[in-house]
């Protein structure tokens, strides 16, 4: 306490329950400001990671697919996960393998930029899978595998 008063600083108790207690001599206002800054940064990083959904068709044109995948990359850069959904209409339900092919083509076009978070799954008339940001390299979890039909 005396040394802190000599320096014109505050004595900040860091870990009071340890033996001996850990304290630090610093400006308390500055210490609080830095702690708040750290808290805001940690909250900001956890608030990202929502889910965006992009709809595809089993008979989607190549250019349209590339446009949707560009949008997918934008969402991934912003920190979102993306749910790619192939919607089936009418008799398209008889050819669900076309939806699997569209998702497989999407994965091959996206390459190492994405990691499959959830494999393709039928939900009523929709076939959907969730992709997240990939590492860019080859990693066991992020390596895109061939989707089984």
N, C-alpha and C. Protein backbone atom coordinates (compact mmCIF):
# COMPACT_ATOMS: atom_id res chain seq x y z
N UNK A 1 0.85 -1.20 0.00
CA UNK A 1 0.00 0.00 0.00
C UNK A 1 0.88 1.25 0.00
N UNK A 2 1.94 1.21 0.84
CA UNK A 2 2.82 2.38 0.94
C UNK A 2 3.53 2.65 -0.38
N UNK A 3 4.01 1.59 -1.01
CA UNK A 3 4.73 1.75 -2.28
C UNK A 3 3.80 2.29 -3.36
N UNK A 4 2.55 1.85 -3.38
CA UNK A 4 1.57 2.34 -4.35
C UNK A 4 1.29 3.82 -4.12
N UNK A 5 1.19 4.22 -2.85
CA UNK A 5 0.96 5.65 -2.55
C UNK A 5 2.15 6.50 -2.97
N UNK A 6 3.36 5.98 -2.77
CA UNK A 6 4.56 6.70 -3.20
C UNK A 6 4.56 6.95 -4.70
N UNK A 7 4.13 5.95 -5.45
CA UNK A 7 4.11 6.05 -6.92
C UNK A 7 2.88 6.80 -7.44
N UNK A 8 1.93 7.06 -6.58
CA UNK A 8 0.70 7.73 -7.01
C UNK A 8 -0.22 6.81 -7.80
N UNK A 9 -0.11 5.52 -7.56
CA UNK A 9 -0.91 4.52 -8.26
C UNK A 9 -1.85 3.83 -7.28
N UNK A 10 -2.62 2.89 -7.79
CA UNK A 10 -3.54 2.12 -6.96
C UNK A 10 -3.00 0.70 -6.80
N UNK A 11 -3.33 0.05 -5.70
CA UNK A 11 -2.98 -1.35 -5.48
C UNK A 11 -4.21 -2.17 -5.86
N UNK A 12 -4.07 -2.97 -6.90
CA UNK A 12 -5.20 -3.75 -7.42
C UNK A 12 -4.99 -5.20 -7.04
N UNK A 13 -5.98 -5.78 -6.36
CA UNK A 13 -5.91 -7.17 -5.94
C UNK A 13 -6.36 -8.04 -7.10
N UNK A 14 -5.48 -8.87 -7.62
CA UNK A 14 -5.77 -9.71 -8.79
C UNK A 14 -6.39 -11.04 -8.36
N UNK A 15 -5.74 -11.76 -7.45
CA UNK A 15 -6.23 -13.06 -6.98
C UNK A 15 -6.23 -13.06 -5.45
N UNK A 16 -7.35 -12.66 -4.83
CA UNK A 16 -7.38 -12.53 -3.37
C UNK A 16 -7.39 -13.87 -2.63
N UNK A 17 -7.81 -14.96 -3.27
CA UNK A 17 -7.96 -16.24 -2.57
C UNK A 17 -6.70 -17.08 -2.57
N UNK A 18 -5.64 -16.63 -3.24
CA UNK A 18 -4.41 -17.42 -3.26
C UNK A 18 -3.57 -17.11 -2.01
N UNK A 19 -2.57 -17.95 -1.78
CA UNK A 19 -1.71 -17.73 -0.62
C UNK A 19 -0.28 -17.57 -1.09
N UNK A 20 0.33 -16.46 -1.07
CA UNK A 20 -0.15 -15.13 -0.65
C UNK A 20 -1.03 -14.50 -1.73
N UNK A 21 -1.88 -13.53 -1.39
CA UNK A 21 -2.73 -12.87 -2.37
C UNK A 21 -1.89 -12.16 -3.43
N UNK A 22 -2.38 -12.16 -4.67
CA UNK A 22 -1.66 -11.52 -5.77
C UNK A 22 -2.23 -10.13 -5.97
N UNK A 23 -1.34 -9.14 -5.99
CA UNK A 23 -1.77 -7.75 -6.19
C UNK A 23 -0.85 -7.11 -7.22
N UNK A 24 -1.33 -5.99 -7.77
CA UNK A 24 -0.58 -5.31 -8.82
C UNK A 24 -0.71 -3.81 -8.60
N UNK A 25 0.38 -3.09 -8.84
CA UNK A 25 0.35 -1.64 -8.71
C UNK A 25 0.11 -1.05 -10.10
N UNK A 26 -1.02 -0.34 -10.27
CA UNK A 26 -1.37 0.24 -11.57
C UNK A 26 -2.44 1.30 -11.36
N UNK A 27 -2.76 2.02 -12.42
CA UNK A 27 -3.84 3.00 -12.39
C UNK A 27 -5.16 2.23 -12.52
N UNK A 28 -6.04 2.34 -11.53
CA UNK A 28 -7.26 1.54 -11.51
C UNK A 28 -8.18 1.86 -12.68
N UNK A 29 -8.31 3.14 -13.05
CA UNK A 29 -9.19 3.53 -14.16
C UNK A 29 -8.71 2.89 -15.46
N UNK A 30 -7.41 2.94 -15.69
CA UNK A 30 -6.84 2.35 -16.89
C UNK A 30 -7.05 0.83 -16.89
N UNK A 31 -6.87 0.20 -15.71
CA UNK A 31 -7.06 -1.24 -15.56
C UNK A 31 -8.50 -1.63 -15.91
N UNK A 32 -9.47 -0.86 -15.37
CA UNK A 32 -10.89 -1.13 -15.66
C UNK A 32 -11.19 -0.97 -17.14
N UNK A 33 -10.63 0.08 -17.75
CA UNK A 33 -10.85 0.34 -19.17
C UNK A 33 -10.35 -0.84 -20.01
N UNK A 34 -9.16 -1.35 -19.70
CA UNK A 34 -8.60 -2.48 -20.46
C UNK A 34 -9.42 -3.75 -20.25
N UNK A 35 -9.89 -3.97 -19.04
CA UNK A 35 -10.73 -5.14 -18.76
C UNK A 35 -12.04 -5.08 -19.55
N UNK A 36 -12.67 -3.88 -19.58
CA UNK A 36 -13.90 -3.72 -20.36
C UNK A 36 -13.65 -3.97 -21.84
N UNK A 37 -12.51 -3.51 -22.33
CA UNK A 37 -12.15 -3.70 -23.73
C UNK A 37 -12.02 -5.20 -24.04
N UNK A 38 -11.37 -5.94 -23.15
CA UNK A 38 -11.22 -7.39 -23.32
C UNK A 38 -12.59 -8.08 -23.33
N UNK A 39 -13.47 -7.67 -22.40
CA UNK A 39 -14.81 -8.26 -22.32
C UNK A 39 -15.59 -8.02 -23.60
N UNK A 40 -15.55 -6.79 -24.12
CA UNK A 40 -16.26 -6.46 -25.36
C UNK A 40 -15.73 -7.27 -26.53
N UNK A 41 -14.42 -7.44 -26.60
CA UNK A 41 -13.82 -8.21 -27.68
C UNK A 41 -14.26 -9.67 -27.61
N UNK A 42 -14.31 -10.23 -26.42
CA UNK A 42 -14.73 -11.63 -26.29
C UNK A 42 -16.21 -11.79 -26.61
N UNK A 43 -17.03 -10.82 -26.21
CA UNK A 43 -18.46 -10.89 -26.54
C UNK A 43 -18.68 -10.74 -28.03
N UNK A 44 -17.90 -9.89 -28.68
CA UNK A 44 -18.05 -9.66 -30.11
C UNK A 44 -17.75 -10.94 -30.88
N UNK A 45 -16.69 -11.65 -30.50
CA UNK A 45 -16.32 -12.87 -31.21
C UNK A 45 -17.35 -13.98 -31.01
N UNK A 46 -18.03 -14.00 -29.87
CA UNK A 46 -19.02 -15.04 -29.65
C UNK A 46 -20.36 -14.70 -30.28
N UNK A 47 -20.64 -13.42 -30.54
CA UNK A 47 -21.93 -13.06 -31.11
C UNK A 47 -22.00 -13.44 -32.58
N UNK A 48 -20.84 -13.56 -33.24
CA UNK A 48 -20.83 -13.99 -34.62
C UNK A 48 -21.14 -15.48 -34.67
N UNK A 49 -21.41 -15.98 -35.86
CA UNK A 49 -21.64 -17.40 -35.97
C UNK A 49 -23.10 -17.76 -36.10
N UNK A 50 -23.92 -16.84 -36.59
CA UNK A 50 -25.31 -17.15 -36.84
C UNK A 50 -25.41 -18.09 -38.02
N UNK A 51 -26.61 -18.32 -38.49
CA UNK A 51 -26.83 -19.24 -39.59
C UNK A 51 -27.60 -18.52 -40.70
N UNK A 52 -27.07 -18.57 -41.90
CA UNK A 52 -27.74 -18.03 -43.08
C UNK A 52 -28.13 -19.20 -43.95
N UNK A 53 -29.25 -19.06 -44.67
CA UNK A 53 -29.72 -20.14 -45.52
C UNK A 53 -29.79 -19.67 -46.96
N UNK A 54 -29.28 -20.48 -47.87
CA UNK A 54 -29.38 -20.21 -49.30
C UNK A 54 -30.14 -21.36 -49.96
N UNK A 55 -31.12 -21.00 -50.78
CA UNK A 55 -31.94 -22.00 -51.44
C UNK A 55 -31.40 -22.29 -52.82
N UNK A 56 -31.40 -23.57 -53.16
CA UNK A 56 -30.98 -24.02 -54.48
C UNK A 56 -32.09 -24.89 -55.06
N UNK A 57 -31.98 -25.16 -56.35
CA UNK A 57 -32.93 -26.02 -57.03
C UNK A 57 -32.17 -27.22 -57.58
N UNK A 58 -32.82 -28.38 -57.72
CA UNK A 58 -32.09 -29.52 -58.28
C UNK A 58 -31.69 -29.29 -59.75
N UNK A 59 -32.38 -28.38 -60.42
CA UNK A 59 -32.07 -28.09 -61.83
C UNK A 59 -31.47 -26.68 -61.97
N UNK A 60 -30.66 -26.25 -61.03
CA UNK A 60 -30.11 -24.91 -61.03
C UNK A 60 -29.04 -24.79 -62.14
N UNK A 61 -29.04 -23.65 -62.81
CA UNK A 61 -28.05 -23.41 -63.86
C UNK A 61 -26.67 -23.18 -63.23
N UNK A 62 -25.63 -23.44 -64.00
CA UNK A 62 -24.26 -23.34 -63.48
C UNK A 62 -23.94 -21.93 -62.99
N UNK A 63 -24.33 -20.93 -63.78
CA UNK A 63 -24.05 -19.54 -63.39
C UNK A 63 -24.79 -19.16 -62.12
N UNK A 64 -26.05 -19.57 -62.03
CA UNK A 64 -26.84 -19.27 -60.83
C UNK A 64 -26.21 -19.90 -59.59
N UNK A 65 -25.71 -21.12 -59.76
CA UNK A 65 -25.06 -21.81 -58.64
C UNK A 65 -23.80 -21.04 -58.21
N UNK A 66 -23.02 -20.57 -59.19
CA UNK A 66 -21.80 -19.83 -58.86
C UNK A 66 -22.13 -18.52 -58.13
N UNK A 67 -23.21 -17.86 -58.53
CA UNK A 67 -23.63 -16.62 -57.86
C UNK A 67 -23.99 -16.92 -56.40
N UNK A 68 -24.74 -18.00 -56.18
CA UNK A 68 -25.12 -18.37 -54.81
C UNK A 68 -23.89 -18.74 -53.98
N UNK A 69 -22.93 -19.39 -54.61
CA UNK A 69 -21.73 -19.78 -53.88
C UNK A 69 -20.85 -18.58 -53.56
N UNK A 70 -20.87 -17.56 -54.41
CA UNK A 70 -20.17 -16.31 -54.09
C UNK A 70 -20.79 -15.68 -52.85
N UNK A 71 -22.10 -15.72 -52.80
CA UNK A 71 -22.82 -15.19 -51.63
C UNK A 71 -22.47 -16.01 -50.38
N UNK A 72 -22.35 -17.32 -50.57
CA UNK A 72 -21.96 -18.21 -49.47
C UNK A 72 -20.61 -17.80 -48.91
N UNK A 73 -19.65 -17.54 -49.80
CA UNK A 73 -18.31 -17.13 -49.37
C UNK A 73 -18.36 -15.82 -48.59
N UNK A 74 -19.20 -14.88 -49.03
CA UNK A 74 -19.35 -13.61 -48.31
C UNK A 74 -19.85 -13.85 -46.89
N UNK A 75 -20.88 -14.70 -46.76
CA UNK A 75 -21.43 -15.00 -45.44
C UNK A 75 -20.37 -15.65 -44.54
N UNK A 76 -19.58 -16.56 -45.11
CA UNK A 76 -18.55 -17.24 -44.33
C UNK A 76 -17.49 -16.25 -43.86
N UNK A 77 -17.13 -15.28 -44.69
CA UNK A 77 -16.15 -14.26 -44.30
C UNK A 77 -16.68 -13.40 -43.16
N UNK A 78 -18.01 -13.19 -43.14
CA UNK A 78 -18.62 -12.40 -42.08
C UNK A 78 -18.77 -13.19 -40.78
N UNK A 79 -18.45 -14.49 -40.82
CA UNK A 79 -18.50 -15.30 -39.61
C UNK A 79 -19.73 -16.15 -39.46
N UNK A 80 -20.58 -16.21 -40.46
CA UNK A 80 -21.79 -17.01 -40.39
C UNK A 80 -21.52 -18.43 -40.86
N UNK A 81 -22.37 -19.34 -40.45
CA UNK A 81 -22.43 -20.67 -41.05
C UNK A 81 -23.52 -20.58 -42.10
N UNK A 82 -23.43 -21.41 -43.13
CA UNK A 82 -24.40 -21.32 -44.22
C UNK A 82 -25.09 -22.67 -44.40
N UNK A 83 -26.41 -22.61 -44.47
CA UNK A 83 -27.21 -23.81 -44.71
C UNK A 83 -27.60 -23.79 -46.18
N UNK A 84 -27.05 -24.72 -46.95
CA UNK A 84 -27.39 -24.85 -48.37
C UNK A 84 -28.57 -25.81 -48.48
N UNK A 85 -29.68 -25.32 -49.01
CA UNK A 85 -30.91 -26.10 -49.06
C UNK A 85 -31.37 -26.27 -50.51
N UNK A 86 -31.58 -27.52 -50.91
CA UNK A 86 -32.13 -27.82 -52.23
C UNK A 86 -33.61 -28.12 -52.03
N UNK A 87 -34.45 -27.28 -52.67
CA UNK A 87 -35.90 -27.47 -52.53
C UNK A 87 -36.42 -28.28 -53.72
N UNK A 88 -37.20 -29.31 -53.42
CA UNK A 88 -37.80 -30.14 -54.45
C UNK A 88 -39.25 -29.76 -54.63
N UNK A 89 -39.69 -29.68 -55.90
CA UNK A 89 -41.09 -29.37 -56.22
C UNK A 89 -41.68 -30.52 -57.02
N UNK A 90 -42.88 -30.88 -56.69
CA UNK A 90 -43.62 -31.87 -57.47
C UNK A 90 -42.86 -33.16 -57.71
N UNK A 91 -42.68 -33.50 -59.00
CA UNK A 91 -42.07 -34.78 -59.36
C UNK A 91 -40.55 -34.79 -59.18
N UNK A 92 -39.97 -33.67 -58.82
CA UNK A 92 -38.53 -33.64 -58.56
C UNK A 92 -38.17 -34.53 -57.37
N UNK A 93 -39.15 -34.81 -56.51
CA UNK A 93 -38.91 -35.67 -55.36
C UNK A 93 -38.50 -37.08 -55.79
N UNK A 94 -38.87 -37.49 -57.01
CA UNK A 94 -38.53 -38.82 -57.51
C UNK A 94 -37.04 -38.90 -57.86
N UNK A 95 -36.38 -37.74 -57.99
CA UNK A 95 -34.96 -37.72 -58.38
C UNK A 95 -34.14 -36.93 -57.37
N UNK A 96 -34.12 -37.44 -56.15
CA UNK A 96 -33.40 -36.76 -55.09
C UNK A 96 -31.88 -36.80 -55.30
N UNK A 97 -31.42 -37.73 -56.13
CA UNK A 97 -29.98 -37.80 -56.41
C UNK A 97 -29.50 -36.54 -57.11
N UNK A 98 -30.40 -35.83 -57.81
CA UNK A 98 -30.01 -34.57 -58.46
C UNK A 98 -29.67 -33.51 -57.40
N UNK A 99 -30.39 -33.52 -56.29
CA UNK A 99 -30.09 -32.61 -55.20
C UNK A 99 -28.73 -32.90 -54.58
N UNK A 100 -28.44 -34.19 -54.40
CA UNK A 100 -27.14 -34.58 -53.87
C UNK A 100 -26.02 -34.15 -54.82
N UNK A 101 -26.27 -34.27 -56.13
CA UNK A 101 -25.26 -33.87 -57.11
C UNK A 101 -25.01 -32.36 -57.05
N UNK A 102 -26.09 -31.58 -56.87
CA UNK A 102 -25.95 -30.12 -56.77
C UNK A 102 -25.10 -29.77 -55.55
N UNK A 103 -25.37 -30.40 -54.41
CA UNK A 103 -24.60 -30.12 -53.20
C UNK A 103 -23.14 -30.56 -53.36
N UNK A 104 -22.93 -31.69 -54.04
CA UNK A 104 -21.56 -32.16 -54.25
C UNK A 104 -20.80 -31.18 -55.17
N UNK A 105 -21.49 -30.68 -56.20
CA UNK A 105 -20.86 -29.71 -57.09
C UNK A 105 -20.55 -28.41 -56.34
N UNK A 106 -21.46 -28.01 -55.46
CA UNK A 106 -21.24 -26.81 -54.66
C UNK A 106 -19.99 -26.97 -53.79
N UNK A 107 -19.85 -28.15 -53.17
CA UNK A 107 -18.67 -28.41 -52.34
C UNK A 107 -17.39 -28.38 -53.17
N UNK A 108 -17.44 -28.96 -54.36
CA UNK A 108 -16.22 -28.99 -55.18
C UNK A 108 -15.86 -27.58 -55.66
N UNK A 109 -16.87 -26.73 -55.94
CA UNK A 109 -16.58 -25.36 -56.36
C UNK A 109 -16.05 -24.50 -55.20
N UNK A 110 -16.53 -24.76 -54.00
CA UNK A 110 -16.06 -24.00 -52.84
C UNK A 110 -14.68 -24.47 -52.39
N UNK A 111 -14.37 -25.73 -52.62
CA UNK A 111 -13.03 -26.25 -52.31
C UNK A 111 -12.73 -26.25 -50.82
N UNK A 112 -11.49 -25.83 -50.48
CA UNK A 112 -11.03 -25.87 -49.09
C UNK A 112 -11.53 -24.69 -48.27
N UNK A 113 -12.31 -23.80 -48.88
CA UNK A 113 -12.80 -22.62 -48.17
C UNK A 113 -13.85 -22.98 -47.13
N UNK A 114 -14.46 -24.17 -47.31
CA UNK A 114 -15.54 -24.56 -46.41
C UNK A 114 -15.26 -25.92 -45.77
N UNK A 115 -15.91 -26.13 -44.64
CA UNK A 115 -15.90 -27.41 -43.94
C UNK A 115 -17.35 -27.82 -43.73
N UNK A 116 -17.65 -29.07 -43.98
CA UNK A 116 -19.02 -29.56 -43.80
C UNK A 116 -19.29 -29.71 -42.31
N UNK A 117 -20.24 -28.92 -41.81
CA UNK A 117 -20.63 -28.98 -40.40
C UNK A 117 -21.66 -30.09 -40.18
N UNK A 118 -22.60 -30.21 -41.14
CA UNK A 118 -23.62 -31.26 -41.06
C UNK A 118 -23.82 -31.84 -42.44
N UNK A 119 -23.75 -33.14 -42.56
CA UNK A 119 -23.92 -33.81 -43.85
C UNK A 119 -25.33 -33.58 -44.39
N UNK A 120 -25.52 -33.74 -45.71
CA UNK A 120 -26.85 -33.55 -46.31
C UNK A 120 -27.90 -34.45 -45.66
N UNK A 121 -29.07 -33.87 -45.44
CA UNK A 121 -30.13 -34.59 -44.74
C UNK A 121 -31.47 -34.13 -45.31
N UNK A 122 -32.37 -35.06 -45.54
CA UNK A 122 -33.71 -34.73 -46.05
C UNK A 122 -34.57 -34.25 -44.89
N UNK A 123 -35.24 -33.12 -45.11
CA UNK A 123 -36.20 -32.58 -44.14
C UNK A 123 -37.47 -32.27 -44.93
N UNK A 124 -38.34 -33.25 -45.02
CA UNK A 124 -39.55 -33.06 -45.83
C UNK A 124 -39.19 -33.02 -47.31
N UNK A 125 -39.49 -31.91 -47.97
CA UNK A 125 -39.18 -31.75 -49.40
C UNK A 125 -37.87 -31.00 -49.61
N UNK A 126 -37.09 -30.86 -48.56
CA UNK A 126 -35.84 -30.11 -48.64
C UNK A 126 -34.65 -31.00 -48.28
N UNK A 127 -33.58 -30.85 -49.03
CA UNK A 127 -32.32 -31.52 -48.74
C UNK A 127 -31.35 -30.42 -48.33
N UNK A 128 -30.82 -30.50 -47.11
CA UNK A 128 -29.97 -29.40 -46.66
C UNK A 128 -28.71 -29.91 -45.97
N UNK A 129 -27.67 -29.08 -46.07
CA UNK A 129 -26.44 -29.34 -45.35
C UNK A 129 -25.90 -28.00 -44.85
N UNK A 130 -25.12 -28.04 -43.79
CA UNK A 130 -24.56 -26.82 -43.20
C UNK A 130 -23.06 -26.83 -43.41
N UNK A 131 -22.55 -25.70 -43.91
CA UNK A 131 -21.10 -25.55 -44.10
C UNK A 131 -20.61 -24.38 -43.25
N UNK A 132 -19.38 -24.50 -42.80
CA UNK A 132 -18.74 -23.45 -42.03
C UNK A 132 -17.42 -23.10 -42.69
N UNK A 133 -16.73 -22.17 -42.10
CA UNK A 133 -15.46 -21.72 -42.64
C UNK A 133 -14.42 -22.82 -42.50
N UNK A 134 -13.69 -23.08 -43.58
CA UNK A 134 -12.63 -24.08 -43.58
C UNK A 134 -11.31 -23.46 -43.17
N UNK A 135 -10.33 -24.31 -42.95
CA UNK A 135 -9.01 -23.85 -42.53
C UNK A 135 -8.15 -23.41 -43.72
N UNK A 136 -8.53 -23.82 -44.93
CA UNK A 136 -7.73 -23.47 -46.10
C UNK A 136 -6.71 -24.55 -46.41
N UNK A 137 -6.34 -25.36 -45.44
CA UNK A 137 -5.40 -26.45 -45.65
C UNK A 137 -6.13 -27.77 -45.53
N UNK A 138 -5.37 -28.84 -45.46
CA UNK A 138 -5.99 -30.15 -45.31
C UNK A 138 -6.01 -30.53 -43.85
N UNK A 139 -7.18 -30.67 -43.30
CA UNK A 139 -7.38 -31.03 -41.90
C UNK A 139 -8.42 -32.13 -41.92
N UNK A 140 -8.33 -33.05 -41.01
CA UNK A 140 -9.21 -34.22 -41.01
C UNK A 140 -10.69 -33.83 -41.00
N UNK A 141 -11.05 -32.81 -40.20
CA UNK A 141 -12.46 -32.45 -40.09
C UNK A 141 -12.93 -31.59 -41.26
N UNK A 142 -12.01 -30.81 -41.84
CA UNK A 142 -12.43 -29.86 -42.87
C UNK A 142 -12.31 -30.41 -44.27
N UNK A 143 -11.68 -31.56 -44.42
CA UNK A 143 -11.52 -32.10 -45.76
C UNK A 143 -12.88 -32.51 -46.31
N UNK A 144 -13.23 -31.99 -47.48
CA UNK A 144 -14.53 -32.30 -48.06
C UNK A 144 -14.52 -33.71 -48.60
N UNK A 145 -15.49 -34.46 -48.16
CA UNK A 145 -15.57 -35.83 -48.59
C UNK A 145 -16.70 -35.99 -49.59
N UNK A 146 -16.66 -37.05 -50.33
CA UNK A 146 -17.70 -37.36 -51.31
C UNK A 146 -18.98 -37.66 -50.53
N UNK A 147 -20.06 -37.01 -50.91
CA UNK A 147 -21.35 -37.22 -50.24
C UNK A 147 -21.97 -38.50 -50.75
N UNK A 148 -22.38 -39.37 -49.83
CA UNK A 148 -23.03 -40.62 -50.24
C UNK A 148 -24.52 -40.37 -50.46
N UNK A 149 -25.05 -40.99 -51.47
CA UNK A 149 -26.47 -40.78 -51.81
C UNK A 149 -27.34 -41.78 -51.09
